[in-house]
Amino acid sequence: MKPAQIHTFFSRLRNANPHPQTELHYASVFELLAAVLLSAQATDVGVNKATARLFVVANTPQKIIHLGLAALERHIQTIGLFRSKARHLMQTCEILVAQHGGQVPRSREDLEALPGVGRKTA
């Protein structure tokens, strides 16, 4: 596609759906990031069930770190690939605390530097 066609395409998408929403349930930017990390090759319904259990006990990077990897795996074990997703989420939480004061960064570059976060997620 030519640049003008790409611009027209995205303009039409924006006009057709000016306020896109996700089916994932979340109450903070961090919860959205965590849910999206867990959503690869999983249904939103399945992710929502797991995050409903997880976010009751750990809904911040600090709380997930405190929870520990084994307990995190138990909370999300109903989701496919839960072990690798738990590792990515734990690594992401550690980076958020160490490098971003526990906050989710705003820039795409900083987001893409997080484990398991690609361009689509960012």
PDB file of N, CA and C in Angstrom:
ATOM      1  N   MET A   1       0.835  -1.186   0.000  1.00  0.00           N
ATOM      2  CA  MET A   1       0.000   0.000   0.000  1.00  0.00           C
ATOM      3  C   MET A   1       0.878   1.247   0.000  1.00  0.00           C
ATOM      4  N   LYS A   2       0.384   2.230  -0.646  1.00  0.00           N
ATOM      5  CA  LYS A   2       1.066   3.515  -0.663  1.00  0.00           C
ATOM      6  C   LYS A   2       0.731   4.273   0.618  1.00  0.00           C
ATOM      7  N   PRO A   3       1.597   5.198   1.042  1.00  0.00           N
ATOM      8  CA  PRO A   3       1.340   5.954   2.275  1.00  0.00           C
ATOM      9  C   PRO A   3      -0.038   6.616   2.308  1.00  0.00           C
ATOM     10  N   ALA A   4      -0.484   7.157   1.216  1.00  0.00           N
ATOM     11  CA  ALA A   4      -1.805   7.808   1.190  1.00  0.00           C
ATOM     12  C   ALA A   4      -2.917   6.789   1.415  1.00  0.00           C
ATOM     13  N   GLN A   5      -2.760   5.594   0.854  1.00  0.00           N
ATOM     14  CA  GLN A   5      -3.763   4.541   1.050  1.00  0.00           C
ATOM     15  C   GLN A   5      -3.785   4.078   2.507  1.00  0.00           C
ATOM     16  N   ILE A   6      -2.615   3.968   3.090  1.00  0.00           N
ATOM     17  CA  ILE A   6      -2.521   3.570   4.501  1.00  0.00           C
ATOM     18  C   ILE A   6      -3.209   4.608   5.378  1.00  0.00           C
ATOM     19  N   HIS A   7      -2.943   5.867   5.111  1.00  0.00           N
ATOM     20  CA  HIS A   7      -3.568   6.948   5.882  1.00  0.00           C
ATOM     21  C   HIS A   7      -5.091   6.898   5.747  1.00  0.00           C
ATOM     22  N   THR A   8      -5.579   6.698   4.538  1.00  0.00           N
ATOM     23  CA  THR A   8      -7.029   6.606   4.299  1.00  0.00           C
ATOM     24  C   THR A   8      -7.618   5.417   5.042  1.00  0.00           C
ATOM     25  N   PHE A   9      -6.933   4.289   4.995  1.00  0.00           N
ATOM     26  CA  PHE A   9      -7.396   3.082   5.680  1.00  0.00           C
ATOM     27  C   PHE A   9      -7.546   3.326   7.181  1.00  0.00           C
ATOM     28  N   PHE A  10      -6.513   3.882   7.805  1.00  0.00           N
ATOM     29  CA  PHE A  10      -6.573   4.122   9.246  1.00  0.00           C
ATOM     30  C   PHE A  10      -7.582   5.211   9.598  1.00  0.00           C
ATOM     31  N   SER A  11      -7.760   6.172   8.741  1.00  0.00           N
ATOM     32  CA  SER A  11      -8.795   7.191   8.973  1.00  0.00           C
ATOM     33  C   SER A  11     -10.179   6.557   8.982  1.00  0.00           C
ATOM     34  N   ARG A  12     -10.408   5.643   8.053  1.00  0.00           N
ATOM     35  CA  ARG A  12     -11.703   4.951   8.011  1.00  0.00           C
ATOM     36  C   ARG A  12     -11.915   4.096   9.258  1.00  0.00           C
ATOM     37  N   LEU A  13     -10.876   3.410   9.684  1.00  0.00           N
ATOM     38  CA  LEU A  13     -10.984   2.622  10.915  1.00  0.00           C
ATOM     39  C   LEU A  13     -11.326   3.515  12.105  1.00  0.00           C
ATOM     40  N   ARG A  14     -10.625   4.634  12.213  1.00  0.00           N
ATOM     41  CA  ARG A  14     -10.851   5.568  13.323  1.00  0.00           C
ATOM     42  C   ARG A  14     -12.273   6.116  13.294  1.00  0.00           C
ATOM     43  N   ASN A  15     -12.788   6.429  12.108  1.00  0.00           N
ATOM     44  CA  ASN A  15     -14.157   6.941  11.984  1.00  0.00           C
ATOM     45  C   ASN A  15     -15.189   5.860  12.289  1.00  0.00           C
ATOM     46  N   ALA A  16     -14.913   4.639  11.890  1.00  0.00           N
ATOM     47  CA  ALA A  16     -15.853   3.542  12.124  1.00  0.00           C
ATOM     48  C   ALA A  16     -15.898   3.137  13.596  1.00  0.00           C
ATOM     49  N   ASN A  17     -14.771   3.277  14.293  1.00  0.00           N
ATOM     50  CA  ASN A  17     -14.703   2.860  15.690  1.00  0.00           C
ATOM     51  C   ASN A  17     -13.817   3.846  16.451  1.00  0.00           C
ATOM     52  N   PRO A  18     -14.352   5.025  16.787  1.00  0.00           N
ATOM     53  CA  PRO A  18     -13.525   6.067  17.403  1.00  0.00           C
ATOM     54  C   PRO A  18     -13.058   5.744  18.824  1.00  0.00           C
ATOM     55  N   HIS A  19     -13.741   4.842  19.505  1.00  0.00           N
ATOM     56  CA  HIS A  19     -13.374   4.489  20.883  1.00  0.00           C
ATOM     57  C   HIS A  19     -13.297   2.972  21.013  1.00  0.00           C
ATOM     58  N   PRO A  20     -12.253   2.356  20.442  1.00  0.00           N
ATOM     59  CA  PRO A  20     -12.159   0.894  20.506  1.00  0.00           C
ATOM     60  C   PRO A  20     -12.002   0.423  21.947  1.00  0.00           C
ATOM     61  N   GLN A  21     -12.588  -0.715  22.241  1.00  0.00           N
ATOM     62  CA  GLN A  21     -12.522  -1.282  23.584  1.00  0.00           C
ATOM     63  C   GLN A  21     -12.103  -2.737  23.497  1.00  0.00           C
ATOM     64  N   THR A  22     -11.557  -3.224  24.566  1.00  0.00           N
ATOM     65  CA  THR A  22     -11.156  -4.616  24.657  1.00  0.00           C
ATOM     66  C   THR A  22     -12.179  -5.380  25.486  1.00  0.00           C
ATOM     67  N   GLU A  23     -12.211  -6.676  25.307  1.00  0.00           N
ATOM     68  CA  GLU A  23     -13.083  -7.530  26.118  1.00  0.00           C
ATOM     69  C   GLU A  23     -12.422  -7.892  27.440  1.00  0.00           C
ATOM     70  N   LEU A  24     -11.142  -7.573  27.575  1.00  0.00           N
ATOM     71  CA  LEU A  24     -10.427  -7.882  28.809  1.00  0.00           C
ATOM     72  C   LEU A  24     -10.905  -6.966  29.929  1.00  0.00           C
ATOM     73  N   HIS A  25     -11.008  -7.526  31.125  1.00  0.00           N
ATOM     74  CA  HIS A  25     -11.437  -6.754  32.290  1.00  0.00           C
ATOM     75  C   HIS A  25     -10.198  -6.238  33.025  1.00  0.00           C
ATOM     76  N   TYR A  26     -10.201  -4.952  33.328  1.00  0.00           N
ATOM     77  CA  TYR A  26      -9.069  -4.349  34.033  1.00  0.00           C
ATOM     78  C   TYR A  26      -9.529  -3.072  34.722  1.00  0.00           C
ATOM     79  N   ALA A  27      -8.782  -2.685  35.768  1.00  0.00           N
ATOM     80  CA  ALA A  27      -9.119  -1.475  36.513  1.00  0.00           C
ATOM     81  C   ALA A  27      -7.969  -0.471  36.531  1.00  0.00           C
ATOM     82  N   SER A  28      -6.829  -0.835  35.949  1.00  0.00           N
ATOM     83  CA  SER A  28      -5.681   0.074  35.908  1.00  0.00           C
ATOM     84  C   SER A  28      -4.856  -0.228  34.661  1.00  0.00           C
ATOM     85  N   VAL A  29      -3.948   0.657  34.348  1.00  0.00           N
ATOM     86  CA  VAL A  29      -3.071   0.455  33.194  1.00  0.00           C
ATOM     87  C   VAL A  29      -2.226  -0.800  33.399  1.00  0.00           C
ATOM     88  N   PHE A  30      -1.759  -1.012  34.625  1.00  0.00           N
ATOM     89  CA  PHE A  30      -0.970  -2.217  34.882  1.00  0.00           C
ATOM     90  C   PHE A  30      -1.808  -3.472  34.681  1.00  0.00           C
ATOM     91  N   GLU A  31      -3.038  -3.483  35.171  1.00  0.00           N
ATOM     92  CA  GLU A  31      -3.891  -4.658  34.989  1.00  0.00           C
ATOM     93  C   GLU A  31      -4.136  -4.930  33.507  1.00  0.00           C
ATOM     94  N   LEU A  32      -4.292  -3.884  32.709  1.00  0.00           N
ATOM     95  CA  LEU A  32      -4.461  -4.072  31.265  1.00  0.00           C
ATOM     96  C   LEU A  32      -3.202  -4.687  30.665  1.00  0.00           C
ATOM     97  N   LEU A  33      -2.036  -4.169  31.024  1.00  0.00           N
ATOM     98  CA  LEU A  33      -0.785  -4.725  30.519  1.00  0.00           C
ATOM     99  C   LEU A  33      -0.663  -6.195  30.901  1.00  0.00           C
ATOM    100  N   ALA A  34      -0.923  -6.519  32.157  1.00  0.00           N
ATOM    101  CA  ALA A  34      -0.827  -7.907  32.607  1.00  0.00           C
ATOM    102  C   ALA A  34      -1.803  -8.797  31.839  1.00  0.00           C
ATOM    103  N   ALA A  35      -3.032  -8.340  31.672  1.00  0.00           N
ATOM    104  CA  ALA A  35      -4.038  -9.128  30.954  1.00  0.00           C
ATOM    105  C   ALA A  35      -3.631  -9.348  29.502  1.00  0.00           C
ATOM    106  N   VAL A  36      -3.091  -8.329  28.866  1.00  0.00           N
ATOM    107  CA  VAL A  36      -2.665  -8.471  27.468  1.00  0.00           C
ATOM    108  C   VAL A  36      -1.484  -9.434  27.369  1.00  0.00           C
ATOM    109  N   LEU A  37      -0.551  -9.373  28.319  1.00  0.00           N
ATOM    110  CA  LEU A  37       0.565 -10.319  28.324  1.00  0.00           C
ATOM    111  C   LEU A  37       0.064 -11.759  28.433  1.00  0.00           C
ATOM    112  N   LEU A  38      -0.991 -11.952  29.195  1.00  0.00           N
ATOM    113  CA  LEU A  38      -1.533 -13.296  29.397  1.00  0.00           C
ATOM    114  C   LEU A  38      -2.430 -13.751  28.255  1.00  0.00           C
ATOM    115  N   SER A  39      -2.815 -12.844  27.386  1.00  0.00           N
ATOM    116  CA  SER A  39      -3.846 -13.155  26.390  1.00  0.00           C
ATOM    117  C   SER A  39      -3.346 -13.844  25.126  1.00  0.00           C
ATOM    118  N   ALA A  40      -2.046 -13.907  24.910  1.00  0.00           N
ATOM    119  CA  ALA A  40      -1.537 -14.543  23.691  1.00  0.00           C
ATOM    120  C   ALA A  40      -1.998 -15.996  23.624  1.00  0.00           C
ATOM    121  N   GLN A  41      -2.603 -16.373  22.516  1.00  0.00           N
ATOM    122  CA  GLN A  41      -3.100 -17.728  22.279  1.00  0.00           C
ATOM    123  C   GLN A  41      -4.053 -18.189  23.380  1.00  0.00           C
ATOM    124  N   ALA A  42      -4.830 -17.266  23.909  1.00  0.00           N
ATOM    125  CA  ALA A  42      -5.839 -17.583  24.922  1.00  0.00           C
ATOM    126  C   ALA A  42      -7.077 -16.748  24.623  1.00  0.00           C
ATOM    127  N   THR A  43      -8.212 -17.207  25.095  1.00  0.00           N
ATOM    128  CA  THR A  43      -9.434 -16.430  24.894  1.00  0.00           C
ATOM    129  C   THR A  43      -9.525 -15.338  25.951  1.00  0.00           C
ATOM    130  N   ASP A  44     -10.202 -14.259  25.609  1.00  0.00           N
ATOM    131  CA  ASP A  44     -10.417 -13.194  26.585  1.00  0.00           C
ATOM    132  C   ASP A  44     -11.201 -13.712  27.779  1.00  0.00           C
ATOM    133  N   VAL A  45     -12.145 -14.610  27.544  1.00  0.00           N
ATOM    134  CA  VAL A  45     -12.935 -15.189  28.641  1.00  0.00           C
ATOM    135  C   VAL A  45     -12.013 -15.925  29.608  1.00  0.00           C
ATOM    136  N   GLY A  46     -11.102 -16.731  29.075  1.00  0.00           N
ATOM    137  CA  GLY A  46     -10.167 -17.466  29.923  1.00  0.00           C
ATOM    138  C   GLY A  46      -9.235 -16.544  30.683  1.00  0.00           C
ATOM    139  N   VAL A  47      -8.753 -15.513  30.016  1.00  0.00           N
ATOM    140  CA  VAL A  47      -7.871 -14.545  30.677  1.00  0.00           C
ATOM    141  C   VAL A  47      -8.634 -13.812  31.774  1.00  0.00           C
ATOM    142  N   ASN A  48      -9.871 -13.423  31.498  1.00  0.00           N
ATOM    143  CA  ASN A  48     -10.676 -12.722  32.508  1.00  0.00           C
ATOM    144  C   ASN A  48     -10.902 -13.586  33.743  1.00  0.00           C
ATOM    145  N   LYS A  49     -11.106 -14.887  33.554  1.00  0.00           N
ATOM    146  CA  LYS A  49     -11.283 -15.782  34.710  1.00  0.00           C
ATOM    147  C   LYS A  49     -10.009 -15.830  35.548  1.00  0.00           C
ATOM    148  N   ALA A  50      -8.867 -15.951  34.882  1.00  0.00           N
ATOM    149  CA  ALA A  50      -7.599 -16.031  35.607  1.00  0.00           C
ATOM    150  C   ALA A  50      -7.254 -14.711  36.290  1.00  0.00           C
ATOM    151  N   THR A  51      -7.435 -13.600  35.581  1.00  0.00           N
ATOM    152  CA  THR A  51      -7.079 -12.314  36.183  1.00  0.00           C
ATOM    153  C   THR A  51      -8.046 -11.930  37.303  1.00  0.00           C
ATOM    154  N   ALA A  52      -9.275 -12.405  37.236  1.00  0.00           N
ATOM    155  CA  ALA A  52     -10.210 -12.139  38.341  1.00  0.00           C
ATOM    156  C   ALA A  52      -9.668 -12.753  39.629  1.00  0.00           C
ATOM    157  N   ARG A  53      -9.092 -13.941  39.533  1.00  0.00           N
ATOM    158  CA  ARG A  53      -8.492 -14.585  40.714  1.00  0.00           C
ATOM    159  C   ARG A  53      -7.186 -13.897  41.101  1.00  0.00           C
ATOM    160  N   LEU A  54      -6.373 -13.582  40.108  1.00  0.00           N
ATOM    161  CA  LEU A  54      -5.059 -12.998  40.375  1.00  0.00           C
ATOM    162  C   LEU A  54      -5.152 -11.593  40.947  1.00  0.00           C
ATOM    163  N   PHE A  55      -5.956 -10.735  40.333  1.00  0.00           N
ATOM    164  CA  PHE A  55      -5.976  -9.328  40.720  1.00  0.00           C
ATOM    165  C   PHE A  55      -6.569  -9.095  42.105  1.00  0.00           C
ATOM    166  N   VAL A  56      -7.281 -10.064  42.647  1.00  0.00           N
ATOM    167  CA  VAL A  56      -7.784  -9.938  44.023  1.00  0.00           C
ATOM    168  C   VAL A  56      -6.615  -9.934  45.005  1.00  0.00           C
ATOM    169  N   VAL A  57      -5.586 -10.726  44.707  1.00  0.00           N
ATOM    170  CA  VAL A  57      -4.449 -10.827  45.626  1.00  0.00           C
ATOM    171  C   VAL A  57      -3.230 -10.034  45.165  1.00  0.00           C
ATOM    172  N   ALA A  58      -3.122  -9.782  43.854  1.00  0.00           N
ATOM    173  CA  ALA A  58      -1.934  -9.090  43.343  1.00  0.00           C
ATOM    174  C   ALA A  58      -2.299  -8.317  42.083  1.00  0.00           C
ATOM    175  N   ASN A  59      -2.458  -7.007  42.232  1.00  0.00           N
ATOM    176  CA  ASN A  59      -2.840  -6.179  41.081  1.00  0.00           C
ATOM    177  C   ASN A  59      -1.862  -5.034  40.818  1.00  0.00           C
ATOM    178  N   THR A  60      -0.662  -5.148  41.371  1.00  0.00           N
ATOM    179  CA  THR A  60       0.402  -4.180  41.104  1.00  0.00           C
ATOM    180  C   THR A  60       1.689  -4.969  40.853  1.00  0.00           C
ATOM    181  N   PRO A  61       2.671  -4.352  40.219  1.00  0.00           N
ATOM    182  CA  PRO A  61       3.937  -5.062  40.015  1.00  0.00           C
ATOM    183  C   PRO A  61       4.569  -5.513  41.336  1.00  0.00           C
ATOM    184  N   GLN A  62       4.509  -4.659  42.343  1.00  0.00           N
ATOM    185  CA  GLN A  62       5.096  -4.994  43.636  1.00  0.00           C
ATOM    186  C   GLN A  62       4.409  -6.211  44.253  1.00  0.00           C
ATOM    187  N   LYS A  63       3.098  -6.272  44.180  1.00  0.00           N
ATOM    188  CA  LYS A  63       2.358  -7.391  44.767  1.00  0.00           C
ATOM    189  C   LYS A  63       2.601  -8.688  44.010  1.00  0.00           C
ATOM    190  N   ILE A  64       2.764  -8.609  42.702  1.00  0.00           N
ATOM    191  CA  ILE A  64       3.046  -9.827  41.930  1.00  0.00           C
ATOM    192  C   ILE A  64       4.439 -10.337  42.268  1.00  0.00           C
ATOM    193  N   ILE A  65       5.406  -9.444  42.408  1.00  0.00           N
ATOM    194  CA  ILE A  65       6.751  -9.858  42.820  1.00  0.00           C
ATOM    195  C   ILE A  65       6.688 -10.526  44.185  1.00  0.00           C
ATOM    196  N   HIS A  66       5.965  -9.917  45.109  1.00  0.00           N
ATOM    197  CA  HIS A  66       5.826 -10.475  46.456  1.00  0.00           C
ATOM    198  C   HIS A  66       5.126 -11.836  46.424  1.00  0.00           C
ATOM    199  N   LEU A  67       4.184 -12.008  45.520  1.00  0.00           N
ATOM    200  CA  LEU A  67       3.462 -13.274  45.376  1.00  0.00           C
ATOM    201  C   LEU A  67       4.419 -14.405  45.024  1.00  0.00           C
ATOM    202  N   GLY A  68       5.378 -14.134  44.166  1.00  0.00           N
ATOM    203  CA  GLY A  68       6.342 -15.149  43.751  1.00  0.00           C
ATOM    204  C   GLY A  68       5.889 -15.900  42.512  1.00  0.00           C
ATOM    205  N   LEU A  69       6.854 -16.477  41.815  1.00  0.00           N
ATOM    206  CA  LEU A  69       6.585 -17.137  40.541  1.00  0.00           C
ATOM    207  C   LEU A  69       5.676 -18.353  40.694  1.00  0.00           C
ATOM    208  N   ALA A  70       5.931 -19.203  41.682  1.00  0.00           N
ATOM    209  CA  ALA A  70       5.126 -20.423  41.843  1.00  0.00           C
ATOM    210  C   ALA A  70       3.663 -20.087  42.115  1.00  0.00           C
ATOM    211  N   ALA A  71       3.414 -19.128  42.986  1.00  0.00           N
ATOM    212  CA  ALA A  71       2.028 -18.743  43.287  1.00  0.00           C
ATOM    213  C   ALA A  71       1.387 -18.063  42.084  1.00  0.00           C
ATOM    214  N   LEU A  72       2.156 -17.262  41.353  1.00  0.00           N
ATOM    215  CA  LEU A  72       1.634 -16.632  40.141  1.00  0.00           C
ATOM    216  C   LEU A  72       1.210 -17.705  39.146  1.00  0.00           C
ATOM    217  N   GLU A  73       2.044 -18.719  38.964  1.00  0.00           N
ATOM    218  CA  GLU A  73       1.699 -19.816  38.055  1.00  0.00           C
ATOM    219  C   GLU A  73       0.402 -20.490  38.485  1.00  0.00           C
ATOM    220  N   ARG A  74       0.228 -20.704  39.775  1.00  0.00           N
ATOM    221  CA  ARG A  74      -1.013 -21.346  40.258  1.00  0.00           C
ATOM    222  C   ARG A  74      -2.239 -20.492  39.935  1.00  0.00           C
ATOM    223  N   HIS A  75      -2.106 -19.186  40.032  1.00  0.00           N
ATOM    224  CA  HIS A  75      -3.246 -18.302  39.765  1.00  0.00           C
ATOM    225  C   HIS A  75      -3.634 -18.265  38.292  1.00  0.00           C
ATOM    226  N   ILE A  76      -2.665 -18.507  37.404  1.00  0.00           N
ATOM    227  CA  ILE A  76      -2.962 -18.392  35.970  1.00  0.00           C
ATOM    228  C   ILE A  76      -2.859 -19.729  35.240  1.00  0.00           C
ATOM    229  N   GLN A  77      -2.808 -20.832  35.961  1.00  0.00           N
ATOM    230  CA  GLN A  77      -2.564 -22.133  35.333  1.00  0.00           C
ATOM    231  C   GLN A  77      -3.670 -22.590  34.388  1.00  0.00           C
ATOM    232  N   THR A  78      -4.813 -21.939  34.414  1.00  0.00           N
ATOM    233  CA  THR A  78      -5.895 -22.299  33.493  1.00  0.00           C
ATOM    234  C   THR A  78      -5.667 -21.738  32.092  1.00  0.00           C
ATOM    235  N   ILE A  79      -4.674 -20.875  31.942  1.00  0.00           N
ATOM    236  CA  ILE A  79      -4.357 -20.263  30.648  1.00  0.00           C
ATOM    237  C   ILE A  79      -3.237 -21.070  29.993  1.00  0.00           C
ATOM    238  N   GLY A  80      -3.336 -21.296  28.705  1.00  0.00           N
ATOM    239  CA  GLY A  80      -2.278 -21.985  27.982  1.00  0.00           C
ATOM    240  C   GLY A  80      -0.953 -21.249  28.091  1.00  0.00           C
ATOM    241  N   LEU A  81       0.125 -22.027  28.084  1.00  0.00           N
ATOM    242  CA  LEU A  81       1.488 -21.480  28.169  1.00  0.00           C
ATOM    243  C   LEU A  81       1.704 -20.680  29.450  1.00  0.00           C
ATOM    244  N   PHE A  82       1.028 -21.088  30.536  1.00  0.00           N
ATOM    245  CA  PHE A  82       1.038 -20.281  31.759  1.00  0.00           C
ATOM    246  C   PHE A  82       2.424 -20.127  32.367  1.00  0.00           C
ATOM    247  N   ARG A  83       3.288 -21.132  32.215  1.00  0.00           N
ATOM    248  CA  ARG A  83       4.624 -21.011  32.818  1.00  0.00           C
ATOM    249  C   ARG A  83       5.444 -19.904  32.152  1.00  0.00           C
ATOM    250  N   SER A  84       5.469 -19.894  30.830  1.00  0.00           N
ATOM    251  CA  SER A  84       6.244 -18.842  30.155  1.00  0.00           C
ATOM    252  C   SER A  84       5.586 -17.477  30.346  1.00  0.00           C
ATOM    253  N   LYS A  85       4.260 -17.439  30.367  1.00  0.00           N
ATOM    254  CA  LYS A  85       3.566 -16.169  30.597  1.00  0.00           C
ATOM    255  C   LYS A  85       3.836 -15.653  32.007  1.00  0.00           C
ATOM    256  N   ALA A  86       3.888 -16.559  32.976  1.00  0.00           N
ATOM    257  CA  ALA A  86       4.191 -16.153  34.352  1.00  0.00           C
ATOM    258  C   ALA A  86       5.607 -15.587  34.436  1.00  0.00           C
ATOM    259  N   ARG A  87       6.558 -16.246  33.761  1.00  0.00           N
ATOM    260  CA  ARG A  87       7.940 -15.731  33.761  1.00  0.00           C
ATOM    261  C   ARG A  87       8.009 -14.343  33.130  1.00  0.00           C
ATOM    262  N   HIS A  88       7.338 -14.176  31.979  1.00  0.00           N
ATOM    263  CA  HIS A  88       7.338 -12.856  31.330  1.00  0.00           C
ATOM    264  C   HIS A  88       6.702 -11.798  32.226  1.00  0.00           C
ATOM    265  N   LEU A  89       5.576 -12.135  32.839  1.00  0.00           N
ATOM    266  CA  LEU A  89       4.903 -11.169  33.705  1.00  0.00           C
ATOM    267  C   LEU A  89       5.771 -10.826  34.912  1.00  0.00           C
ATOM    268  N   MET A  90       6.419 -11.824  35.504  1.00  0.00           N
ATOM    269  CA  MET A  90       7.290 -11.571  36.654  1.00  0.00           C
ATOM    270  C   MET A  90       8.472 -10.693  36.238  1.00  0.00           C
ATOM    271  N   GLN A  91       9.104 -11.007  35.112  1.00  0.00           N
ATOM    272  CA  GLN A  91      10.219 -10.188  34.631  1.00  0.00           C
ATOM    273  C   GLN A  91       9.755  -8.761  34.340  1.00  0.00           C
ATOM    274  N   THR A  92       8.582  -8.634  33.751  1.00  0.00           N
ATOM    275  CA  THR A  92       8.028  -7.310  33.467  1.00  0.00           C
ATOM    276  C   THR A  92       7.825  -6.534  34.761  1.00  0.00           C
ATOM    277  N   CYS A  93       7.275  -7.182  35.766  1.00  0.00           N
ATOM    278  CA  CYS A  93       7.054  -6.516  37.057  1.00  0.00           C
ATOM    279  C   CYS A  93       8.373  -6.063  37.675  1.00  0.00           C
ATOM    280  N   GLU A  94       9.395  -6.906  37.593  1.00  0.00           N
ATOM    281  CA  GLU A  94      10.699  -6.543  38.147  1.00  0.00           C
ATOM    282  C   GLU A  94      11.280  -5.321  37.429  1.00  0.00           C
ATOM    283  N   ILE A  95      11.139  -5.278  36.115  1.00  0.00           N
ATOM    284  CA  ILE A  95      11.628  -4.126  35.349  1.00  0.00           C
ATOM    285  C   ILE A  95      10.812  -2.880  35.677  1.00  0.00           C
ATOM    286  N   LEU A  96       9.499  -3.031  35.781  1.00  0.00           N
ATOM    287  CA  LEU A  96       8.654  -1.875  36.110  1.00  0.00           C
ATOM    288  C   LEU A  96       9.059  -1.273  37.446  1.00  0.00           C
ATOM    289  N   VAL A  97       9.325  -2.118  38.434  1.00  0.00           N
ATOM    290  CA  VAL A  97       9.712  -1.622  39.755  1.00  0.00           C
ATOM    291  C   VAL A  97      11.114  -1.012  39.714  1.00  0.00           C
ATOM    292  N   ALA A  98      12.061  -1.705  39.089  1.00  0.00           N
ATOM    293  CA  ALA A  98      13.456  -1.257  39.093  1.00  0.00           C
ATOM    294  C   ALA A  98      13.699  -0.028  38.216  1.00  0.00           C
ATOM    295  N   GLN A  99      13.021   0.040  37.076  1.00  0.00           N
ATOM    296  CA  GLN A  99      13.350   1.091  36.115  1.00  0.00           C
ATOM    297  C   GLN A  99      12.279   2.159  35.940  1.00  0.00           C
ATOM    298  N   HIS A 100      11.058   1.876  36.395  1.00  0.00           N
ATOM    299  CA  HIS A 100       9.957   2.813  36.133  1.00  0.00           C
ATOM    300  C   HIS A 100       9.147   3.152  37.389  1.00  0.00           C
ATOM    301  N   GLY A 101       9.721   2.891  38.553  1.00  0.00           N
ATOM    302  CA  GLY A 101       9.039   3.230  39.793  1.00  0.00           C
ATOM    303  C   GLY A 101       7.719   2.502  39.985  1.00  0.00           C
ATOM    304  N   GLY A 102       7.593   1.320  39.390  1.00  0.00           N
ATOM    305  CA  GLY A 102       6.367   0.540  39.528  1.00  0.00           C
ATOM    306  C   GLY A 102       5.249   0.969  38.594  1.00  0.00           C
ATOM    307  N   GLN A 103       5.536   1.925  37.714  1.00  0.00           N
ATOM    308  CA  GLN A 103       4.523   2.439  36.790  1.00  0.00           C
ATOM    309  C   GLN A 103       4.734   1.871  35.387  1.00  0.00           C
ATOM    310  N   VAL A 104       3.651   1.758  34.641  1.00  0.00           N
ATOM    311  CA  VAL A 104       3.736   1.320  33.253  1.00  0.00           C
ATOM    312  C   VAL A 104       4.222   2.503  32.420  1.00  0.00           C
ATOM    313  N   PRO A 105       5.299   2.320  31.649  1.00  0.00           N
ATOM    314  CA  PRO A 105       5.801   3.434  30.842  1.00  0.00           C
ATOM    315  C   PRO A 105       4.812   3.834  29.756  1.00  0.00           C
ATOM    316  N   ARG A 106       4.930   5.062  29.300  1.00  0.00           N
ATOM    317  CA  ARG A 106       4.015   5.604  28.288  1.00  0.00           C
ATOM    318  C   ARG A 106       4.546   5.449  26.867  1.00  0.00           C
ATOM    319  N   SER A 107       5.854   5.396  26.702  1.00  0.00           N
ATOM    320  CA  SER A 107       6.400   5.373  25.339  1.00  0.00           C
ATOM    321  C   SER A 107       6.411   3.957  24.770  1.00  0.00           C
ATOM    322  N   ARG A 108       6.213   3.873  23.477  1.00  0.00           N
ATOM    323  CA  ARG A 108       6.207   2.576  22.808  1.00  0.00           C
ATOM    324  C   ARG A 108       7.558   1.889  22.964  1.00  0.00           C
ATOM    325  N   GLU A 109       8.633   2.636  22.874  1.00  0.00           N
ATOM    326  CA  GLU A 109       9.967   2.056  22.982  1.00  0.00           C
ATOM    327  C   GLU A 109      10.170   1.406  24.351  1.00  0.00           C
ATOM    328  N   ASP A 110       9.763   2.094  25.415  1.00  0.00           N
ATOM    329  CA  ASP A 110       9.903   1.533  26.760  1.00  0.00           C
ATOM    330  C   ASP A 110       8.998   0.322  26.948  1.00  0.00           C
ATOM    331  N   LEU A 111       7.797   0.370  26.394  1.00  0.00           N
ATOM    332  CA  LEU A 111       6.892  -0.774  26.489  1.00  0.00           C
ATOM    333  C   LEU A 111       7.460  -1.981  25.750  1.00  0.00           C
ATOM    334  N   GLU A 112       7.977  -1.760  24.547  1.00  0.00           N
ATOM    335  CA  GLU A 112       8.511  -2.867  23.753  1.00  0.00           C
ATOM    336  C   GLU A 112       9.763  -3.473  24.371  1.00  0.00           C
ATOM    337  N   ALA A 113      10.406  -2.768  25.291  1.00  0.00           N
ATOM    338  CA  ALA A 113      11.577  -3.305  25.985  1.00  0.00           C
ATOM    339  C   ALA A 113      11.183  -4.299  27.077  1.00  0.00           C
ATOM    340  N   LEU A 114       9.907  -4.372  27.406  1.00  0.00           N
ATOM    341  CA  LEU A 114       9.433  -5.290  28.441  1.00  0.00           C
ATOM    342  C   LEU A 114       9.283  -6.698  27.865  1.00  0.00           C
ATOM    343  N   PRO A 115       9.586  -7.738  28.655  1.00  0.00           N
ATOM    344  CA  PRO A 115       9.460  -9.116  28.177  1.00  0.00           C
ATOM    345  C   PRO A 115       8.024  -9.440  27.760  1.00  0.00           C
ATOM    346  N   GLY A 116       7.880 -10.022  26.594  1.00  0.00           N
ATOM    347  CA  GLY A 116       6.560 -10.422  26.126  1.00  0.00           C
ATOM    348  C   GLY A 116       5.744  -9.318  25.493  1.00  0.00           C
ATOM    349  N   VAL A 117       6.291  -8.103  25.440  1.00  0.00           N
ATOM    350  CA  VAL A 117       5.558  -6.975  24.855  1.00  0.00           C
ATOM    351  C   VAL A 117       6.134  -6.679  23.475  1.00  0.00           C
ATOM    352  N   GLY A 118       5.299  -6.819  22.473  1.00  0.00           N
ATOM    353  CA  GLY A 118       5.694  -6.485  21.107  1.00  0.00           C
ATOM    354  C   GLY A 118       4.998  -5.220  20.662  1.00  0.00           C
ATOM    355  N   ARG A 119       5.112  -4.935  19.401  1.00  0.00           N
ATOM    356  CA  ARG A 119       4.546  -3.697  18.859  1.00  0.00           C
ATOM    357  C   ARG A 119       3.030  -3.640  19.029  1.00  0.00           C
ATOM    358  N   LYS A 120       2.352  -4.763  18.807  1.00  0.00           N
ATOM    359  CA  LYS A 120       0.891  -4.787  18.914  1.00  0.00           C
ATOM    360  C   LYS A 120       0.439  -4.471  20.342  1.00  0.00           C
ATOM    361  N   THR A 121       1.109  -5.059  21.321  1.00  0.00           N
ATOM    362  CA  THR A 121       0.760  -4.805  22.721  1.00  0.00           C
ATOM    363  C   THR A 121       1.073  -3.371  23.105  1.00  0.00           C
ATOM    364  N   ALA A 122       2.241  -2.891  22.677  1.00  0.00           N
ATOM    365  CA  ALA A 122       2.652  -1.522  23.015  1.00  0.00           C
ATOM    366  C   ALA A 122       1.682  -0.520  22.421  1.00  0.00           C
TER     367      ALA A 122
END
